[in-house]
Amino acid sequence: MVEVIRHLSALIMPGLLVLFFTRVTYNRIIGLVLTVALIAASVYKGYTNTFVLIVIDAFSLTAGFWLAAKMKPKTVKKIDG
């Protein structure tokens, strides 16, 4: 059961973190770098201990980076009147 939670978290969390950091910093590259730093710390501490989890993390990072590129800032229309 713990392995299933680890794999689902690896599939979802990095992508969401990239999106979150992109929204906070207004820069998708910085969002990606911050998320990679968190994953590197996770690998260093031993929480991500298999190659499969690292591959799933990388896939999620790629998907989150792609979605961050698709996000567009909302523009406010100015009403002249």
C-alpha atoms as a PDB file:
ATOM      1  CA  MET A   1       0.000   0.000   0.000  1.00  0.00           C
ATOM      2  CA  VAL A   2       2.856   2.371   0.807  1.00  0.00           C
ATOM      3  CA  GLU A   3       4.407   1.772  -2.624  1.00  0.00           C
ATOM      4  CA  VAL A   4       1.130   2.634  -4.348  1.00  0.00           C
ATOM      5  CA  ILE A   5       0.955   5.924  -2.446  1.00  0.00           C
ATOM      6  CA  ARG A   6       4.581   6.686  -3.344  1.00  0.00           C
ATOM      7  CA  HIS A   7       3.965   6.051  -7.034  1.00  0.00           C
ATOM      8  CA  LEU A   8       0.750   8.105  -7.110  1.00  0.00           C
ATOM      9  CA  SER A   9       2.461  10.945  -5.264  1.00  0.00           C
ATOM     10  CA  ALA A  10       5.380  10.828  -7.700  1.00  0.00           C
ATOM     11  CA  LEU A  11       2.914  11.011 -10.575  1.00  0.00           C
ATOM     12  CA  ILE A  12       0.910  13.972  -9.257  1.00  0.00           C
ATOM     13  CA  MET A  13       2.923  16.107  -6.825  1.00  0.00           C
ATOM     14  CA  PRO A  14       5.891  17.284  -8.950  1.00  0.00           C
ATOM     15  CA  GLY A  15       3.585  18.526 -11.699  1.00  0.00           C
ATOM     16  CA  LEU A  16       1.436  20.386  -9.207  1.00  0.00           C
ATOM     17  CA  LEU A  17       4.521  21.879  -7.569  1.00  0.00           C
ATOM     18  CA  VAL A  18       5.779  23.161 -10.924  1.00  0.00           C
ATOM     19  CA  LEU A  19       2.393  24.783 -11.531  1.00  0.00           C
ATOM     20  CA  PHE A  20       2.313  26.251  -8.013  1.00  0.00           C
ATOM     21  CA  PHE A  21       5.828  27.673  -8.146  1.00  0.00           C
ATOM     22  CA  THR A  22       5.163  29.021 -11.634  1.00  0.00           C
ATOM     23  CA  ARG A  23       2.118  30.889 -10.383  1.00  0.00           C
ATOM     24  CA  VAL A  24       3.993  32.224  -7.365  1.00  0.00           C
ATOM     25  CA  THR A  25       7.152  33.336  -9.183  1.00  0.00           C
ATOM     26  CA  TYR A  26       5.548  34.236 -12.553  1.00  0.00           C
ATOM     27  CA  ASN A  27       8.348  32.298 -14.268  1.00  0.00           C
ATOM     28  CA  ARG A  28       8.029  28.681 -15.342  1.00  0.00           C
ATOM     29  CA  ILE A  29      11.802  28.079 -15.453  1.00  0.00           C
ATOM     30  CA  ILE A  30      12.171  29.118 -11.817  1.00  0.00           C
ATOM     31  CA  GLY A  31       9.173  26.948 -10.919  1.00  0.00           C
ATOM     32  CA  LEU A  32      10.845  23.975 -12.583  1.00  0.00           C
ATOM     33  CA  VAL A  33      14.185  24.631 -10.875  1.00  0.00           C
ATOM     34  CA  LEU A  34      12.576  24.916  -7.432  1.00  0.00           C
ATOM     35  CA  THR A  35      10.703  21.652  -7.943  1.00  0.00           C
ATOM     36  CA  VAL A  36      13.818  19.861  -9.174  1.00  0.00           C
ATOM     37  CA  ALA A  37      15.633  21.118  -6.069  1.00  0.00           C
ATOM     38  CA  LEU A  38      12.922  19.639  -3.842  1.00  0.00           C
ATOM     39  CA  ILE A  39      13.094  16.316  -5.668  1.00  0.00           C
ATOM     40  CA  ALA A  40      16.900  16.320  -5.390  1.00  0.00           C
ATOM     41  CA  ALA A  41      16.577  16.845  -1.643  1.00  0.00           C
ATOM     42  CA  SER A  42      14.084  13.974  -1.529  1.00  0.00           C
ATOM     43  CA  VAL A  43      16.508  11.690  -3.359  1.00  0.00           C
ATOM     44  CA  TYR A  44      19.351  12.777  -1.076  1.00  0.00           C
ATOM     45  CA  LYS A  45      17.307  12.001   2.054  1.00  0.00           C
ATOM     46  CA  GLY A  46      16.370   8.577   0.665  1.00  0.00           C
ATOM     47  CA  TYR A  47      12.638   9.039   0.139  1.00  0.00           C
ATOM     48  CA  THR A  48      12.904   8.475  -3.604  1.00  0.00           C
ATOM     49  CA  ASN A  49      14.887   5.292  -3.618  1.00  0.00           C
ATOM     50  CA  THR A  50      14.081   3.501  -6.882  1.00  0.00           C
ATOM     51  CA  PHE A  51      14.800   4.313 -10.492  1.00  0.00           C
ATOM     52  CA  VAL A  52      11.107   3.887 -11.359  1.00  0.00           C
ATOM     53  CA  LEU A  53      10.129   6.665  -8.933  1.00  0.00           C
ATOM     54  CA  ILE A  54      12.734   8.971 -10.461  1.00  0.00           C
ATOM     55  CA  VAL A  55      11.360   8.287 -13.956  1.00  0.00           C
ATOM     56  CA  ILE A  56       7.797   8.947 -12.775  1.00  0.00           C
ATOM     57  CA  ASP A  57       8.962  12.191 -11.131  1.00  0.00           C
ATOM     58  CA  ALA A  58      10.630  13.250 -14.386  1.00  0.00           C
ATOM     59  CA  PHE A  59       7.466  12.522 -16.362  1.00  0.00           C
ATOM     60  CA  SER A  60       5.390  14.539 -13.924  1.00  0.00           C
ATOM     61  CA  LEU A  61       7.880  17.416 -14.062  1.00  0.00           C
ATOM     62  CA  THR A  62       7.656  17.419 -17.844  1.00  0.00           C
ATOM     63  CA  ALA A  63       3.854  17.406 -17.773  1.00  0.00           C
ATOM     64  CA  GLY A  64       3.777  20.213 -15.201  1.00  0.00           C
ATOM     65  CA  PHE A  65       6.252  22.269 -17.222  1.00  0.00           C
ATOM     66  CA  TRP A  66       4.117  21.780 -20.340  1.00  0.00           C
ATOM     67  CA  LEU A  67       0.954  22.806 -18.483  1.00  0.00           C
ATOM     68  CA  ALA A  68       2.743  25.840 -17.063  1.00  0.00           C
ATOM     69  CA  ALA A  69       3.569  26.892 -20.620  1.00  0.00           C
ATOM     70  CA  LYS A  70      -0.109  26.545 -21.556  1.00  0.00           C
ATOM     71  CA  MET A  71      -1.254  28.761 -18.686  1.00  0.00           C
ATOM     72  CA  LYS A  72      -1.916  32.268 -19.837  1.00  0.00           C
ATOM     73  CA  PRO A  73      -2.322  35.290 -17.626  1.00  0.00           C
ATOM     74  CA  LYS A  74      -5.831  36.609 -17.496  1.00  0.00           C
ATOM     75  CA  THR A  75      -6.133  39.913 -19.258  1.00  0.00           C
ATOM     76  CA  VAL A  76      -8.455  42.569 -18.005  1.00  0.00           C
ATOM     77  CA  LYS A  77     -10.460  44.304 -20.669  1.00  0.00           C
ATOM     78  CA  LYS A  78     -10.627  48.003 -20.296  1.00  0.00           C
ATOM     79  CA  ILE A  79     -14.063  49.432 -20.927  1.00  0.00           C
ATOM     80  CA  ASP A  80     -13.931  52.820 -22.544  1.00  0.00           C
ATOM     81  CA  GLY A  81     -16.975  54.809 -21.868  1.00  0.00           C
END
